[in-house]
Amino acid sequence: MKTGKDLILVTGATGRQGGAIARELLAKGHKVRAMTRRPDSTPARELAWQGADVRAGDLDEAASLERAVAGAWGVFAMRSCAPCSSWTTGSRPGSCRPSSRGSSRSA
């Protein structure tokens, strides 16, 4: 039974995991807001065609996350980060910190 509270924000909706979740939610009749860094990508256009509200956003940018989550009843957030010990000279060791901040924002 629909309660009117069926809008789910899916972050990383154009990726493998997020895309599968977004498609399944749409198939079950939920309203899906699909957040992606590339709303003009083929996977994003396919989600829009299936009925998703595709929004540009990035978990590292608080303002875009706040816009994406506005009005959502629930959030599915999937974020990965390579172990910091696996980086070599010249890589971006600070990349792990924004992932942690972005994930805590989405919670």
N, C-alpha and C. Protein backbone atom coordinates (compact mmCIF):
# COMPACT_ATOMS: atom_id res chain seq x y z
N MET A 1 0.84 -1.18 0.00
CA MET A 1 0.00 0.00 0.00
C MET A 1 0.88 1.24 0.00
N LYS A 2 0.56 2.19 -0.86
CA LYS A 2 1.32 3.43 -0.94
C LYS A 2 0.87 4.37 0.16
N THR A 3 1.84 5.02 0.78
CA THR A 3 1.52 5.97 1.84
C THR A 3 1.84 7.39 1.43
N GLY A 4 2.34 7.59 0.21
CA GLY A 4 2.77 8.91 -0.21
C GLY A 4 4.21 9.19 0.19
N LYS A 5 4.79 8.28 0.94
CA LYS A 5 6.18 8.43 1.38
C LYS A 5 7.04 7.41 0.66
N ASP A 6 7.01 7.47 -0.64
CA ASP A 6 7.73 6.44 -1.39
C ASP A 6 8.87 6.98 -2.24
N LEU A 7 9.30 8.24 -2.03
CA LEU A 7 10.43 8.78 -2.78
C LEU A 7 11.74 8.34 -2.13
N ILE A 8 12.52 7.61 -2.88
CA ILE A 8 13.80 7.10 -2.40
C ILE A 8 14.92 7.74 -3.21
N LEU A 9 15.88 8.33 -2.51
CA LEU A 9 17.08 8.85 -3.15
C LEU A 9 18.09 7.72 -3.27
N VAL A 10 18.60 7.50 -4.46
CA VAL A 10 19.64 6.50 -4.69
C VAL A 10 20.89 7.25 -5.14
N THR A 11 21.93 7.21 -4.32
CA THR A 11 23.19 7.83 -4.72
C THR A 11 23.98 6.83 -5.56
N GLY A 12 24.79 7.35 -6.46
CA GLY A 12 25.55 6.46 -7.33
C GLY A 12 24.64 5.64 -8.22
N ALA A 13 23.53 6.22 -8.63
CA ALA A 13 22.49 5.49 -9.35
C ALA A 13 22.90 5.03 -10.74
N THR A 14 23.99 5.55 -11.28
CA THR A 14 24.43 5.10 -12.59
C THR A 14 25.50 4.02 -12.50
N GLY A 15 25.86 3.64 -11.30
CA GLY A 15 26.82 2.56 -11.10
C GLY A 15 26.13 1.21 -11.06
N ARG A 16 26.90 0.17 -10.90
CA ARG A 16 26.35 -1.19 -10.91
C ARG A 16 25.38 -1.42 -9.75
N GLN A 17 25.82 -1.17 -8.52
CA GLN A 17 24.98 -1.42 -7.35
C GLN A 17 23.81 -0.43 -7.28
N GLY A 18 24.12 0.86 -7.36
CA GLY A 18 23.07 1.87 -7.29
C GLY A 18 22.07 1.75 -8.42
N GLY A 19 22.56 1.43 -9.61
CA GLY A 19 21.67 1.26 -10.76
C GLY A 19 20.71 0.10 -10.58
N ALA A 20 21.22 -1.01 -10.06
CA ALA A 20 20.36 -2.17 -9.81
C ALA A 20 19.28 -1.84 -8.79
N ILE A 21 19.66 -1.13 -7.74
CA ILE A 21 18.69 -0.73 -6.71
C ILE A 21 17.65 0.21 -7.30
N ALA A 22 18.10 1.21 -8.05
CA ALA A 22 17.17 2.18 -8.65
C ALA A 22 16.17 1.48 -9.57
N ARG A 23 16.66 0.59 -10.42
CA ARG A 23 15.76 -0.12 -11.34
C ARG A 23 14.76 -1.00 -10.59
N GLU A 24 15.21 -1.67 -9.54
CA GLU A 24 14.31 -2.52 -8.76
C GLU A 24 13.24 -1.69 -8.04
N LEU A 25 13.65 -0.57 -7.46
CA LEU A 25 12.68 0.31 -6.80
C LEU A 25 11.65 0.82 -7.79
N LEU A 26 12.09 1.24 -8.97
CA LEU A 26 11.16 1.70 -10.00
C LEU A 26 10.20 0.59 -10.40
N ALA A 27 10.73 -0.63 -10.57
CA ALA A 27 9.89 -1.76 -10.95
C ALA A 27 8.83 -2.08 -9.90
N LYS A 28 9.15 -1.78 -8.64
CA LYS A 28 8.20 -2.04 -7.54
C LYS A 28 7.26 -0.85 -7.30
N GLY A 29 7.37 0.18 -8.14
CA GLY A 29 6.43 1.29 -8.06
C GLY A 29 6.86 2.46 -7.20
N HIS A 30 8.09 2.44 -6.72
CA HIS A 30 8.57 3.57 -5.92
C HIS A 30 8.98 4.73 -6.82
N LYS A 31 8.90 5.91 -6.26
CA LYS A 31 9.46 7.08 -6.93
C LYS A 31 10.94 7.11 -6.59
N VAL A 32 11.77 7.28 -7.58
CA VAL A 32 13.22 7.25 -7.38
C VAL A 32 13.83 8.57 -7.82
N ARG A 33 14.64 9.12 -6.95
CA ARG A 33 15.49 10.26 -7.32
C ARG A 33 16.89 9.68 -7.45
N ALA A 34 17.43 9.73 -8.64
CA ALA A 34 18.73 9.13 -8.94
C ALA A 34 19.80 10.22 -8.93
N MET A 35 20.71 10.15 -7.98
CA MET A 35 21.79 11.14 -7.91
C MET A 35 23.03 10.58 -8.58
N THR A 36 23.61 11.39 -9.47
CA THR A 36 24.79 10.98 -10.21
C THR A 36 25.64 12.21 -10.52
N ARG A 37 26.92 11.99 -10.65
CA ARG A 37 27.79 13.10 -11.05
C ARG A 37 27.65 13.44 -12.52
N ARG A 38 27.11 12.49 -13.30
CA ARG A 38 26.99 12.70 -14.75
C ARG A 38 25.54 12.45 -15.20
N PRO A 39 24.66 13.43 -15.00
CA PRO A 39 23.26 13.22 -15.36
C PRO A 39 23.01 13.11 -16.87
N ASP A 40 24.01 13.45 -17.67
CA ASP A 40 23.87 13.34 -19.12
C ASP A 40 24.39 12.01 -19.67
N SER A 41 24.83 11.12 -18.79
CA SER A 41 25.37 9.82 -19.22
C SER A 41 24.26 8.91 -19.72
N THR A 42 24.64 7.90 -20.48
CA THR A 42 23.67 6.94 -20.99
C THR A 42 22.91 6.25 -19.86
N PRO A 43 23.58 5.74 -18.81
CA PRO A 43 22.82 5.11 -17.72
C PRO A 43 21.83 6.08 -17.05
N ALA A 44 22.21 7.35 -16.92
CA ALA A 44 21.31 8.33 -16.31
C ALA A 44 20.09 8.57 -17.20
N ARG A 45 20.32 8.66 -18.50
CA ARG A 45 19.20 8.87 -19.43
C ARG A 45 18.26 7.66 -19.42
N GLU A 46 18.84 6.45 -19.29
CA GLU A 46 18.00 5.25 -19.23
C GLU A 46 17.14 5.24 -17.97
N LEU A 47 17.72 5.66 -16.84
CA LEU A 47 16.93 5.74 -15.61
C LEU A 47 15.82 6.77 -15.73
N ALA A 48 16.11 7.90 -16.36
CA ALA A 48 15.09 8.93 -16.56
C ALA A 48 13.96 8.38 -17.44
N TRP A 49 14.32 7.64 -18.47
CA TRP A 49 13.32 7.04 -19.35
C TRP A 49 12.43 6.07 -18.58
N GLN A 50 13.00 5.39 -17.58
CA GLN A 50 12.24 4.44 -16.76
C GLN A 50 11.41 5.14 -15.68
N GLY A 51 11.58 6.46 -15.55
CA GLY A 51 10.75 7.20 -14.60
C GLY A 51 11.48 7.83 -13.44
N ALA A 52 12.79 7.68 -13.36
CA ALA A 52 13.55 8.27 -12.25
C ALA A 52 13.70 9.77 -12.45
N ASP A 53 13.76 10.48 -11.35
CA ASP A 53 14.07 11.91 -11.34
C ASP A 53 15.59 12.00 -11.18
N VAL A 54 16.29 12.22 -12.27
CA VAL A 54 17.75 12.22 -12.26
C VAL A 54 18.25 13.61 -11.87
N ARG A 55 19.14 13.63 -10.87
CA ARG A 55 19.70 14.88 -10.38
C ARG A 55 21.22 14.80 -10.36
N ALA A 56 21.85 15.91 -10.71
CA ALA A 56 23.31 16.00 -10.60
C ALA A 56 23.65 16.16 -9.13
N GLY A 57 24.66 15.44 -8.68
CA GLY A 57 25.08 15.56 -7.29
C GLY A 57 26.35 14.80 -7.02
N ASP A 58 26.96 15.14 -5.91
CA ASP A 58 28.22 14.52 -5.50
C ASP A 58 28.23 14.46 -3.98
N LEU A 59 28.53 13.31 -3.42
CA LEU A 59 28.55 13.16 -1.96
C LEU A 59 29.59 14.04 -1.30
N ASP A 60 30.57 14.51 -2.05
CA ASP A 60 31.58 15.40 -1.49
C ASP A 60 31.14 16.86 -1.48
N GLU A 61 29.98 17.14 -2.04
CA GLU A 61 29.45 18.51 -2.09
C GLU A 61 28.16 18.57 -1.29
N ALA A 62 28.23 19.13 -0.09
CA ALA A 62 27.10 19.15 0.83
C ALA A 62 25.85 19.77 0.20
N ALA A 63 26.01 20.86 -0.53
CA ALA A 63 24.84 21.54 -1.10
C ALA A 63 24.10 20.64 -2.10
N SER A 64 24.83 19.91 -2.93
CA SER A 64 24.16 19.05 -3.90
C SER A 64 23.48 17.88 -3.20
N LEU A 65 24.06 17.39 -2.14
CA LEU A 65 23.44 16.31 -1.37
C LEU A 65 22.17 16.80 -0.69
N GLU A 66 22.22 17.99 -0.11
CA GLU A 66 21.03 18.55 0.54
C GLU A 66 19.89 18.73 -0.46
N ARG A 67 20.20 19.20 -1.65
CA ARG A 67 19.16 19.36 -2.69
C ARG A 67 18.59 18.00 -3.08
N ALA A 68 19.45 17.02 -3.24
CA ALA A 68 18.99 15.70 -3.68
C ALA A 68 18.12 15.01 -2.64
N VAL A 69 18.44 15.17 -1.37
CA VAL A 69 17.72 14.47 -0.32
C VAL A 69 16.42 15.17 0.08
N ALA A 70 16.25 16.43 -0.32
CA ALA A 70 15.05 17.19 0.05
C ALA A 70 13.78 16.47 -0.40
N GLY A 71 12.90 16.19 0.53
CA GLY A 71 11.63 15.54 0.23
C GLY A 71 11.69 14.03 0.14
N ALA A 72 12.86 13.45 0.27
CA ALA A 72 12.98 11.98 0.17
C ALA A 72 12.56 11.32 1.48
N TRP A 73 11.91 10.20 1.36
CA TRP A 73 11.52 9.42 2.52
C TRP A 73 12.66 8.52 2.98
N GLY A 74 13.47 8.06 2.02
CA GLY A 74 14.58 7.17 2.34
C GLY A 74 15.75 7.40 1.40
N VAL A 75 16.89 6.86 1.79
CA VAL A 75 18.12 7.01 1.01
C VAL A 75 18.83 5.67 0.91
N PHE A 76 19.24 5.32 -0.30
CA PHE A 76 20.15 4.20 -0.49
C PHE A 76 21.47 4.81 -0.93
N ALA A 77 22.49 4.67 -0.11
CA ALA A 77 23.79 5.27 -0.42
C ALA A 77 24.85 4.19 -0.44
N MET A 78 25.58 4.13 -1.53
CA MET A 78 26.67 3.18 -1.68
C MET A 78 27.90 3.96 -2.04
N ARG A 79 28.94 3.82 -1.24
CA ARG A 79 30.18 4.57 -1.49
C ARG A 79 31.35 3.65 -1.18
N SER A 80 32.30 3.59 -2.08
CA SER A 80 33.47 2.75 -1.83
C SER A 80 34.72 3.62 -1.78
N CYS A 81 35.73 3.07 -1.16
CA CYS A 81 37.01 3.77 -1.05
C CYS A 81 38.10 2.70 -0.94
N ALA A 82 39.11 2.83 -1.75
CA ALA A 82 40.24 1.90 -1.67
C ALA A 82 40.96 2.10 -0.36
N PRO A 83 41.48 1.04 0.23
CA PRO A 83 42.24 1.20 1.47
C PRO A 83 43.40 2.17 1.27
N CYS A 84 43.58 3.06 2.21
CA CYS A 84 44.63 4.08 2.10
C CYS A 84 46.01 3.46 1.91
N SER A 85 46.23 2.28 2.47
CA SER A 85 47.54 1.65 2.38
C SER A 85 47.85 1.17 0.96
N SER A 86 46.85 1.13 0.08
CA SER A 86 47.08 0.63 -1.28
C SER A 86 47.57 1.72 -2.22
N TRP A 87 47.61 2.98 -1.78
CA TRP A 87 48.04 4.06 -2.66
C TRP A 87 49.55 4.08 -2.80
N THR A 88 49.99 4.51 -3.96
CA THR A 88 51.42 4.63 -4.23
C THR A 88 51.78 6.10 -4.34
N THR A 89 53.06 6.38 -4.45
CA THR A 89 53.52 7.76 -4.60
C THR A 89 52.85 8.39 -5.81
N GLY A 90 52.35 9.61 -5.62
CA GLY A 90 51.68 10.32 -6.71
C GLY A 90 50.19 10.11 -6.74
N SER A 91 49.67 9.22 -5.92
CA SER A 91 48.22 9.02 -5.89
C SER A 91 47.58 10.04 -4.96
N ARG A 92 46.30 9.97 -4.76
CA ARG A 92 45.57 10.95 -3.97
C ARG A 92 45.20 10.37 -2.61
N PRO A 93 46.08 10.37 -1.63
CA PRO A 93 45.75 9.78 -0.33
C PRO A 93 44.64 10.51 0.39
N GLY A 94 44.37 11.77 0.08
CA GLY A 94 43.30 12.50 0.74
C GLY A 94 41.92 12.08 0.28
N SER A 95 41.85 11.26 -0.77
CA SER A 95 40.56 10.88 -1.32
C SER A 95 39.72 10.07 -0.35
N CYS A 96 40.34 9.41 0.59
CA CYS A 96 39.58 8.60 1.54
C CYS A 96 38.82 9.48 2.52
N ARG A 97 39.38 10.60 2.91
CA ARG A 97 38.70 11.48 3.87
C ARG A 97 37.39 12.03 3.34
N PRO A 98 37.32 12.56 2.09
CA PRO A 98 36.03 13.05 1.62
C PRO A 98 34.98 11.96 1.55
N SER A 99 35.39 10.72 1.25
CA SER A 99 34.42 9.64 1.21
C SER A 99 33.78 9.46 2.57
N SER A 100 34.57 9.53 3.62
CA SER A 100 34.03 9.38 4.96
C SER A 100 33.08 10.52 5.29
N ARG A 101 33.48 11.75 4.95
CA ARG A 101 32.61 12.90 5.24
C ARG A 101 31.33 12.81 4.44
N GLY A 102 31.44 12.45 3.17
CA GLY A 102 30.24 12.36 2.34
C GLY A 102 29.29 11.30 2.83
N SER A 103 29.82 10.16 3.25
CA SER A 103 28.98 9.09 3.74
C SER A 103 28.29 9.49 5.04
N SER A 104 28.98 10.20 5.90
CA SER A 104 28.35 10.60 7.15
C SER A 104 27.28 11.66 6.89
N ARG A 105 27.47 12.49 5.86
CA ARG A 105 26.44 13.47 5.50
C ARG A 105 25.18 12.76 5.05
N SER A 106 25.35 11.70 4.26
CA SER A 106 24.17 11.03 3.73
C SER A 106 23.41 10.28 4.81
N ALA A 107 24.09 9.90 5.87
CA ALA A 107 23.42 9.21 6.96
C ALA A 107 22.60 10.21 7.73
